[in-house]
Amino acid sequence: MKRYEVDDVAARMRERLAHCGEPSADVVIVQGNRKATLRLFGTPYSVNRVRAATFSAAIRWMPIDLD
C-alpha cells in the first residue's frame, strides 16, 4: 500500500467515525496478515498503543468496507 493510499483510507475512516460521533478519533492503519509482517501507519503514540495491544492479545482481523 502506498502512502497516499494509507492517507486516503485514514481520512475516509476519520470521516466515518465523525459521522458516528467520534470527531477526534485517531486512526491506525494496519497492513499485513501475521504479527511478523504487520506494518502500522498513524501517529507514533497510537501506533505504539496498537502494537502493544496486538502483541499482548489474541486479535482477529476483519476487512472494513468504507463504501
N, C-alpha and C. Protein backbone atom coordinates (compact mmCIF):
# COMPACT_ATOMS: atom_id res chain seq x y z
N MET A 1 0.85 -1.16 0.00
CA MET A 1 0.00 0.00 0.00
C MET A 1 0.90 1.23 0.00
N LYS A 2 0.61 2.13 -0.86
CA LYS A 2 1.40 3.36 -0.96
C LYS A 2 0.91 4.38 0.07
N ARG A 3 1.77 5.33 0.40
CA ARG A 3 1.47 6.30 1.45
C ARG A 3 0.19 7.08 1.16
N TYR A 4 -0.03 7.47 -0.11
CA TYR A 4 -1.24 8.23 -0.42
C TYR A 4 -2.49 7.37 -0.24
N GLU A 5 -2.36 6.05 -0.44
CA GLU A 5 -3.49 5.15 -0.21
C GLU A 5 -3.79 5.04 1.30
N VAL A 6 -2.73 4.95 2.09
CA VAL A 6 -2.89 4.91 3.54
C VAL A 6 -3.57 6.19 4.02
N ASP A 7 -3.11 7.33 3.54
CA ASP A 7 -3.70 8.61 3.93
C ASP A 7 -5.17 8.69 3.52
N ASP A 8 -5.51 8.19 2.34
CA ASP A 8 -6.88 8.20 1.86
C ASP A 8 -7.77 7.32 2.74
N VAL A 9 -7.32 6.11 3.05
CA VAL A 9 -8.10 5.20 3.89
C VAL A 9 -8.29 5.81 5.27
N ALA A 10 -7.24 6.38 5.85
CA ALA A 10 -7.33 7.01 7.17
C ALA A 10 -8.32 8.17 7.16
N ALA A 11 -8.27 9.00 6.13
CA ALA A 11 -9.19 10.14 6.03
C ALA A 11 -10.63 9.66 5.92
N ARG A 12 -10.86 8.64 5.12
CA ARG A 12 -12.21 8.10 4.98
C ARG A 12 -12.72 7.50 6.29
N MET A 13 -11.84 6.84 7.02
CA MET A 13 -12.22 6.25 8.31
C MET A 13 -12.52 7.34 9.33
N ARG A 14 -11.69 8.40 9.36
CA ARG A 14 -11.95 9.52 10.28
C ARG A 14 -13.30 10.17 9.95
N GLU A 15 -13.60 10.31 8.67
CA GLU A 15 -14.89 10.89 8.26
C GLU A 15 -16.04 10.01 8.73
N ARG A 16 -15.90 8.71 8.57
CA ARG A 16 -16.93 7.78 9.01
C ARG A 16 -17.12 7.84 10.53
N LEU A 17 -16.01 7.90 11.27
CA LEU A 17 -16.09 7.99 12.72
C LEU A 17 -16.72 9.30 13.17
N ALA A 18 -16.44 10.39 12.45
CA ALA A 18 -17.03 11.68 12.78
C ALA A 18 -18.55 11.62 12.65
N HIS A 19 -19.04 10.92 11.65
CA HIS A 19 -20.49 10.76 11.47
C HIS A 19 -21.10 9.93 12.59
N CYS A 20 -20.29 9.10 13.25
CA CYS A 20 -20.76 8.26 14.36
C CYS A 20 -20.55 8.94 15.71
N GLY A 21 -20.12 10.21 15.72
CA GLY A 21 -19.96 10.93 16.97
C GLY A 21 -18.57 10.88 17.57
N GLU A 22 -17.57 10.50 16.80
CA GLU A 22 -16.17 10.46 17.27
C GLU A 22 -15.33 11.42 16.42
N PRO A 23 -15.51 12.73 16.59
CA PRO A 23 -14.85 13.69 15.71
C PRO A 23 -13.33 13.78 15.86
N SER A 24 -12.79 13.36 17.01
CA SER A 24 -11.35 13.49 17.20
C SER A 24 -10.65 12.13 17.28
N ALA A 25 -11.22 11.11 16.66
CA ALA A 25 -10.65 9.77 16.71
C ALA A 25 -9.32 9.72 15.95
N ASP A 26 -8.37 9.00 16.52
CA ASP A 26 -7.09 8.78 15.85
C ASP A 26 -7.18 7.42 15.16
N VAL A 27 -6.70 7.34 13.93
CA VAL A 27 -6.82 6.13 13.13
C VAL A 27 -5.44 5.53 12.92
N VAL A 28 -5.34 4.21 13.12
CA VAL A 28 -4.12 3.48 12.82
C VAL A 28 -4.47 2.46 11.74
N ILE A 29 -3.75 2.51 10.64
CA ILE A 29 -3.93 1.56 9.54
C ILE A 29 -2.95 0.42 9.74
N VAL A 30 -3.46 -0.80 9.68
CA VAL A 30 -2.63 -1.99 9.86
C VAL A 30 -2.59 -2.74 8.53
N GLN A 31 -1.39 -3.01 8.06
CA GLN A 31 -1.20 -3.75 6.81
C GLN A 31 -0.42 -5.02 7.11
N GLY A 32 -0.87 -6.14 6.60
CA GLY A 32 -0.19 -7.41 6.80
C GLY A 32 -1.18 -8.47 7.25
N ASN A 33 -0.72 -9.70 7.30
CA ASN A 33 -1.64 -10.77 7.66
C ASN A 33 -1.16 -11.65 8.81
N ARG A 34 0.01 -11.35 9.36
CA ARG A 34 0.53 -12.07 10.53
C ARG A 34 1.25 -11.06 11.40
N LYS A 35 1.39 -11.40 12.67
CA LYS A 35 2.07 -10.48 13.58
C LYS A 35 3.47 -10.14 13.10
N ALA A 36 4.13 -11.10 12.45
CA ALA A 36 5.51 -10.89 11.99
C ALA A 36 5.59 -9.97 10.78
N THR A 37 4.48 -9.78 10.06
CA THR A 37 4.53 -8.99 8.82
C THR A 37 3.72 -7.70 8.90
N LEU A 38 3.27 -7.31 10.08
CA LEU A 38 2.42 -6.13 10.20
C LEU A 38 3.21 -4.84 10.02
N ARG A 39 2.59 -3.90 9.30
CA ARG A 39 3.07 -2.53 9.20
C ARG A 39 1.95 -1.65 9.72
N LEU A 40 2.27 -0.73 10.60
CA LEU A 40 1.27 0.15 11.19
C LEU A 40 1.56 1.59 10.78
N PHE A 41 0.50 2.30 10.43
CA PHE A 41 0.60 3.69 10.00
C PHE A 41 -0.31 4.55 10.88
N GLY A 42 0.19 5.65 11.35
CA GLY A 42 -0.58 6.58 12.17
C GLY A 42 0.36 7.41 13.01
N THR A 43 -0.20 8.08 14.02
CA THR A 43 0.66 8.86 14.90
C THR A 43 1.49 7.91 15.75
N PRO A 44 2.71 8.31 16.11
CA PRO A 44 3.58 7.42 16.89
C PRO A 44 2.93 6.91 18.18
N TYR A 45 2.22 7.77 18.90
CA TYR A 45 1.58 7.35 20.14
C TYR A 45 0.56 6.24 19.88
N SER A 46 -0.30 6.46 18.90
CA SER A 46 -1.36 5.48 18.62
C SER A 46 -0.79 4.20 18.04
N VAL A 47 0.21 4.30 17.19
CA VAL A 47 0.85 3.10 16.64
C VAL A 47 1.45 2.26 17.76
N ASN A 48 2.11 2.91 18.71
CA ASN A 48 2.68 2.17 19.84
C ASN A 48 1.61 1.48 20.67
N ARG A 49 0.48 2.14 20.89
CA ARG A 49 -0.63 1.54 21.64
C ARG A 49 -1.20 0.33 20.91
N VAL A 50 -1.39 0.47 19.61
CA VAL A 50 -1.94 -0.65 18.83
C VAL A 50 -0.94 -1.79 18.78
N ARG A 51 0.32 -1.48 18.59
CA ARG A 51 1.35 -2.53 18.55
C ARG A 51 1.38 -3.30 19.88
N ALA A 52 1.33 -2.59 20.98
CA ALA A 52 1.34 -3.25 22.30
C ALA A 52 0.11 -4.13 22.47
N ALA A 53 -1.05 -3.64 22.06
CA ALA A 53 -2.28 -4.43 22.18
C ALA A 53 -2.24 -5.65 21.27
N THR A 54 -1.69 -5.49 20.09
CA THR A 54 -1.63 -6.59 19.12
C THR A 54 -0.76 -7.73 19.63
N PHE A 55 0.36 -7.41 20.22
CA PHE A 55 1.29 -8.44 20.62
C PHE A 55 1.00 -9.01 22.01
N SER A 56 0.06 -8.42 22.74
CA SER A 56 -0.25 -8.95 24.06
C SER A 56 -1.64 -9.58 24.11
N ALA A 57 -2.32 -9.68 22.98
CA ALA A 57 -3.68 -10.23 22.97
C ALA A 57 -3.92 -11.02 21.69
N ALA A 58 -4.91 -11.88 21.76
CA ALA A 58 -5.34 -12.61 20.56
C ALA A 58 -6.36 -11.74 19.84
N ILE A 59 -6.03 -11.33 18.63
CA ILE A 59 -6.89 -10.42 17.87
C ILE A 59 -7.24 -11.07 16.54
N ARG A 60 -8.52 -11.01 16.20
CA ARG A 60 -8.97 -11.47 14.89
C ARG A 60 -9.20 -10.25 14.02
N TRP A 61 -8.68 -10.27 12.80
CA TRP A 61 -8.79 -9.14 11.89
C TRP A 61 -9.92 -9.37 10.90
N MET A 62 -10.60 -8.28 10.55
CA MET A 62 -11.63 -8.33 9.54
C MET A 62 -11.44 -7.13 8.63
N PRO A 63 -11.59 -7.33 7.32
CA PRO A 63 -11.52 -6.18 6.42
C PRO A 63 -12.70 -5.24 6.65
N ILE A 64 -12.50 -3.97 6.37
CA ILE A 64 -13.56 -3.00 6.53
C ILE A 64 -13.94 -2.44 5.16
N ASP A 65 -15.22 -2.24 4.96
CA ASP A 65 -15.72 -1.69 3.71
C ASP A 65 -16.11 -0.23 3.96
N LEU A 66 -15.39 0.69 3.35
CA LEU A 66 -15.65 2.13 3.57
C LEU A 66 -16.63 2.72 2.58
N ASP A 67 -17.12 1.94 1.65
CA ASP A 67 -18.06 2.47 0.66
C ASP A 67 -19.47 2.47 1.14
